[in-house]
Amino acid sequence: MLISEKHKYIFISIPKTGTTAIQSFLQENDDSSVLNWITIKAKRIKIDEYVKTWKLMKIMGDEYDKYTVFTFIRDPYARSVSGYHFYKNGNTLRSHYFIRNFMAQLNVLITKILPFIMWSILKPNKKLVDYFFDKNGQELIDLVGKTENMNKDLSSICNLLGIPLENVSVPVKNSSRHSTVENFFTNKWHEKLYRKKS
C-alpha cells in the first residue's frame, strides 16, 4: 500500500500485478508518497503491504473517503505463472511477522517440489474481490489499471491525480524467465479447475 498526502491517493497492492514497479515509480515521482504507513489523528500506523481494501477503510474511517483509491489487476493465468516462478526461484514476500516469513519459506520449498499443474490447483488464491469490495458488496476502489497496459493506464491515473508527468515508463521489477503463459495451461481439465478457483 502506498499513500500520498500531497495528491490524495492510495495505491492498493495486489501480489504479482507489478506492484513493486508501480510503487517505485510513484515514489520517484511523488516525494510525499509513503509506503505501508498512514497517519490518522496524529497517530502513525504500520499497514501490511497487501492490506485488503475493506480492512484499510476500517482503520482509516472517514479519512478513507478523502483519497482516490486505485489498484492494478493482471490476467489471472499470467499472475499464477508469475507467482509460481517467483517462489520457484527462491523469492519470498518479506513481512515483519515471523510466522509469515516462515510460511513464505515453506511456499518456496513446496513450489520447488511441485510441478506447476499441482501447485496452481493446490495453492490458495488471493481473490481480487477481497481487495475490491467490502463484506456488503460495496465497491471500494475508484480506479483500476491493467498490468498488461501498465504505462498507458498509469499515465492516465497520474493525470487524474494531478501528478505532472511527461512520459510514463515503468521499469520491470521482480521479473522471472519462463515460456509463454499458454504453455502452462495446455490441459483443459487443469484450466477448468484453475478457472473455478480464481
Protein backbone atom coordinates (compact mmCIF):
# COMPACT_ATOMS: atom_id res chain seq x y z
CA MET A 1 0.00 0.00 0.00
CA LEU A 2 1.24 3.46 -0.92
CA ILE A 3 -0.38 6.68 0.27
CA SER A 4 0.17 10.28 -0.81
CA GLU A 5 -0.93 13.27 1.24
CA LYS A 6 0.01 15.73 -1.49
CA HIS A 7 -2.01 14.13 -4.28
CA LYS A 8 -4.52 12.38 -2.01
CA TYR A 9 -4.29 8.87 -3.40
CA ILE A 10 -3.94 5.36 -2.04
CA PHE A 11 -2.42 2.64 -4.19
CA ILE A 12 -3.64 -0.80 -3.13
CA SER A 13 -1.05 -3.51 -3.76
CA ILE A 14 -2.20 -6.86 -5.10
CA PRO A 15 0.51 -9.56 -5.26
CA LYS A 16 2.07 -10.35 -8.66
CA THR A 17 0.46 -7.45 -10.53
CA GLY A 18 3.58 -5.27 -10.91
CA THR A 19 3.15 -3.55 -7.55
CA THR A 20 6.88 -3.24 -6.77
CA ALA A 21 7.48 -1.48 -10.09
CA ILE A 22 4.46 0.81 -9.67
CA GLN A 23 5.35 1.73 -6.09
CA SER A 24 8.96 2.52 -7.06
CA PHE A 25 7.79 4.67 -9.98
CA LEU A 26 5.30 6.62 -7.85
CA GLN A 27 7.85 7.18 -5.08
CA GLU A 28 10.33 8.56 -7.62
CA ASN A 29 7.71 10.99 -8.97
CA ASP A 30 5.89 11.91 -5.75
CA ASP A 31 8.09 12.75 -2.77
CA SER A 32 5.06 12.85 -0.47
CA SER A 33 4.20 9.18 -1.01
CA VAL A 34 4.71 6.82 1.93
CA LEU A 35 4.93 3.03 1.77
CA ASN A 36 2.91 0.96 4.26
CA TRP A 37 2.35 3.72 6.86
CA ILE A 38 -0.61 6.01 7.47
CA THR A 39 -1.16 8.84 9.92
CA ILE A 40 -4.64 9.10 11.43
CA LYS A 41 -5.33 11.82 14.00
CA ALA A 42 -1.61 12.34 14.62
CA LYS A 43 -1.13 8.60 15.18
CA ARG A 44 1.27 6.75 12.86
CA ILE A 45 0.07 3.25 11.96
CA LYS A 46 2.01 0.48 10.18
CA ILE A 47 -0.04 -1.15 7.41
CA ASP A 48 0.55 -4.53 5.77
CA GLU A 49 1.78 -4.09 2.20
CA TYR A 50 -1.01 -6.25 0.78
CA VAL A 51 -3.76 -4.96 3.07
CA LYS A 52 -7.30 -5.69 1.93
CA THR A 53 -9.15 -2.51 0.97
CA TRP A 54 -12.04 -3.11 3.38
CA LYS A 55 -9.59 -3.51 6.26
CA LEU A 56 -7.80 -0.28 5.37
CA MET A 57 -11.13 1.52 5.20
CA LYS A 58 -11.98 0.19 8.66
CA ILE A 59 -8.66 1.50 10.05
CA MET A 60 -8.96 4.92 8.38
CA GLY A 61 -12.66 5.54 9.00
CA ASP A 62 -13.96 8.78 7.43
CA GLU A 63 -10.43 9.71 6.30
CA TYR A 64 -10.61 6.98 3.64
CA ASP A 65 -13.15 8.95 1.60
CA LYS A 66 -10.70 11.85 1.17
CA TYR A 67 -8.46 9.76 -1.11
CA THR A 68 -8.68 8.41 -4.64
CA VAL A 69 -8.06 4.67 -4.29
CA PHE A 70 -6.61 2.73 -7.19
CA THR A 71 -5.03 -0.60 -7.97
CA PHE A 72 -3.76 -2.73 -10.84
CA ILE A 73 -5.04 -6.15 -11.86
CA ARG A 74 -3.49 -8.83 -14.04
CA ASP A 75 -4.70 -11.72 -16.15
CA PRO A 76 -5.20 -14.50 -13.54
CA TYR A 77 -3.36 -17.09 -15.64
CA ALA A 78 -0.32 -14.83 -16.06
CA ARG A 79 -0.48 -13.96 -12.37
CA SER A 80 -0.39 -17.65 -11.43
CA VAL A 81 2.58 -18.44 -13.69
CA SER A 82 4.43 -15.39 -12.37
CA GLY A 83 3.76 -16.40 -8.74
CA TYR A 84 4.94 -19.95 -9.38
CA HIS A 85 8.26 -18.81 -10.83
CA PHE A 86 8.67 -16.15 -8.14
CA TYR A 87 8.65 -18.84 -5.44
CA LYS A 88 10.45 -21.46 -7.55
CA ASN A 89 13.38 -19.02 -7.91
CA GLY A 90 13.59 -18.81 -4.11
CA ASN A 91 11.98 -15.38 -3.73
CA THR A 92 9.64 -14.52 -0.88
CA LEU A 93 7.49 -11.60 0.20
CA ARG A 94 9.10 -10.14 3.33
CA SER A 95 6.99 -9.50 6.39
CA HIS A 96 7.55 -8.11 9.88
CA TYR A 97 5.77 -11.20 11.25
CA PHE A 98 7.86 -14.33 11.93
CA ILE A 99 5.07 -16.76 11.03
CA ARG A 100 4.51 -15.11 7.63
CA ASN A 101 8.22 -15.33 6.81
CA PHE A 102 8.20 -18.98 7.85
CA MET A 103 5.18 -19.69 5.64
CA ALA A 104 6.84 -17.87 2.74
CA GLN A 105 9.92 -20.10 3.06
CA LEU A 106 7.63 -23.13 3.18
CA ASN A 107 5.97 -21.84 -0.02
CA VAL A 108 9.37 -21.75 -1.71
CA LEU A 109 10.13 -25.32 -0.65
CA ILE A 110 6.75 -26.65 -1.79
CA THR A 111 6.96 -24.78 -5.12
CA LYS A 112 10.38 -26.26 -5.85
CA ILE A 113 8.94 -29.74 -5.36
CA LEU A 114 5.57 -29.50 -7.11
CA PRO A 115 5.00 -29.25 -10.88
CA PHE A 116 3.02 -26.19 -11.96
CA ILE A 117 -0.27 -28.03 -12.53
CA MET A 118 -0.39 -29.35 -8.95
CA TRP A 119 0.90 -26.08 -7.44
CA SER A 120 -1.67 -23.92 -9.25
CA ILE A 121 -4.55 -26.12 -8.12
CA LEU A 122 -3.43 -26.65 -4.50
CA LYS A 123 -2.11 -23.19 -3.58
CA PRO A 124 -4.76 -20.92 -2.05
CA ASN A 125 -5.54 -17.94 -4.27
CA LYS A 126 -5.97 -14.37 -3.05
CA LYS A 127 -9.14 -13.41 -4.86
CA LEU A 128 -9.45 -9.95 -6.38
CA VAL A 129 -12.92 -9.49 -4.91
CA ASP A 130 -11.31 -9.41 -1.45
CA TYR A 131 -9.48 -6.24 -2.50
CA PHE A 132 -12.35 -4.56 -4.36
CA PHE A 133 -15.39 -4.96 -2.13
CA ASP A 134 -16.40 -4.81 1.50
CA LYS A 135 -18.48 -7.55 3.14
CA ASN A 136 -21.70 -5.87 1.96
CA GLY A 137 -20.60 -5.86 -1.68
CA GLN A 138 -19.83 -2.15 -1.83
CA GLU A 139 -17.01 -1.35 -4.25
CA LEU A 140 -14.09 0.40 -2.53
CA ILE A 141 -11.72 1.04 -5.47
CA ASP A 142 -12.06 4.20 -7.59
CA LEU A 143 -9.65 3.46 -10.46
CA VAL A 144 -8.29 0.22 -11.92
CA GLY A 145 -5.36 -0.26 -14.27
CA LYS A 146 -4.20 -3.40 -16.03
CA THR A 147 -0.66 -4.72 -15.66
CA GLU A 148 -0.70 -5.61 -19.36
CA ASN A 149 -1.23 -1.86 -20.16
CA MET A 150 0.84 -0.55 -17.26
CA ASN A 151 2.47 2.52 -18.83
CA LYS A 152 -0.68 3.75 -20.55
CA ASP A 153 -3.00 3.11 -17.60
CA LEU A 154 -0.61 4.53 -15.01
CA SER A 155 -0.17 7.62 -17.17
CA SER A 156 -3.96 8.14 -17.26
CA ILE A 157 -4.25 7.60 -13.50
CA CYS A 158 -1.38 10.03 -12.77
CA ASN A 159 -3.08 12.68 -14.93
CA LEU A 160 -6.33 12.24 -13.00
CA LEU A 161 -4.41 12.52 -9.71
CA GLY A 162 -2.62 15.69 -10.81
CA ILE A 163 0.86 14.18 -10.93
CA PRO A 164 2.58 16.02 -13.80
CA LEU A 165 4.48 13.52 -15.97
CA GLU A 166 5.75 13.87 -19.50
CA ASN A 167 6.44 10.20 -20.08
CA VAL A 168 5.46 7.13 -18.09
CA SER A 169 7.88 4.24 -18.50
CA VAL A 170 7.79 1.84 -15.58
CA PRO A 171 10.85 -0.44 -15.42
CA VAL A 172 10.07 -4.12 -14.79
CA LYS A 173 10.90 -5.38 -11.27
CA ASN A 174 10.97 -8.94 -9.93
CA SER A 175 10.64 -10.45 -13.39
CA SER A 176 11.15 -14.17 -13.99
CA ARG A 177 12.07 -16.05 -17.14
CA HIS A 178 9.63 -18.66 -18.35
CA SER A 179 7.85 -19.72 -21.51
CA THR A 180 4.54 -18.13 -22.52
CA VAL A 181 1.56 -18.46 -20.20
CA GLU A 182 -0.35 -20.56 -22.75
CA ASN A 183 2.28 -23.31 -22.39
CA PHE A 184 1.33 -23.76 -18.72
CA PHE A 185 -2.40 -24.22 -19.36
CA THR A 186 -2.45 -26.80 -22.15
CA ASN A 187 -4.58 -29.31 -20.21
CA LYS A 188 -8.32 -28.49 -20.41
CA TRP A 189 -9.05 -30.21 -17.09
CA HIS A 190 -6.34 -28.15 -15.39
CA GLU A 191 -7.56 -24.90 -16.95
CA LYS A 192 -11.15 -25.61 -15.90
CA LEU A 193 -10.14 -26.34 -12.29
CA TYR A 194 -7.96 -23.23 -12.11
CA ARG A 195 -10.73 -21.02 -13.54
CA LYS A 196 -13.10 -22.20 -10.78
CA LYS A 197 -10.71 -21.22 -8.00
CA SER A 198 -9.52 -17.86 -9.39
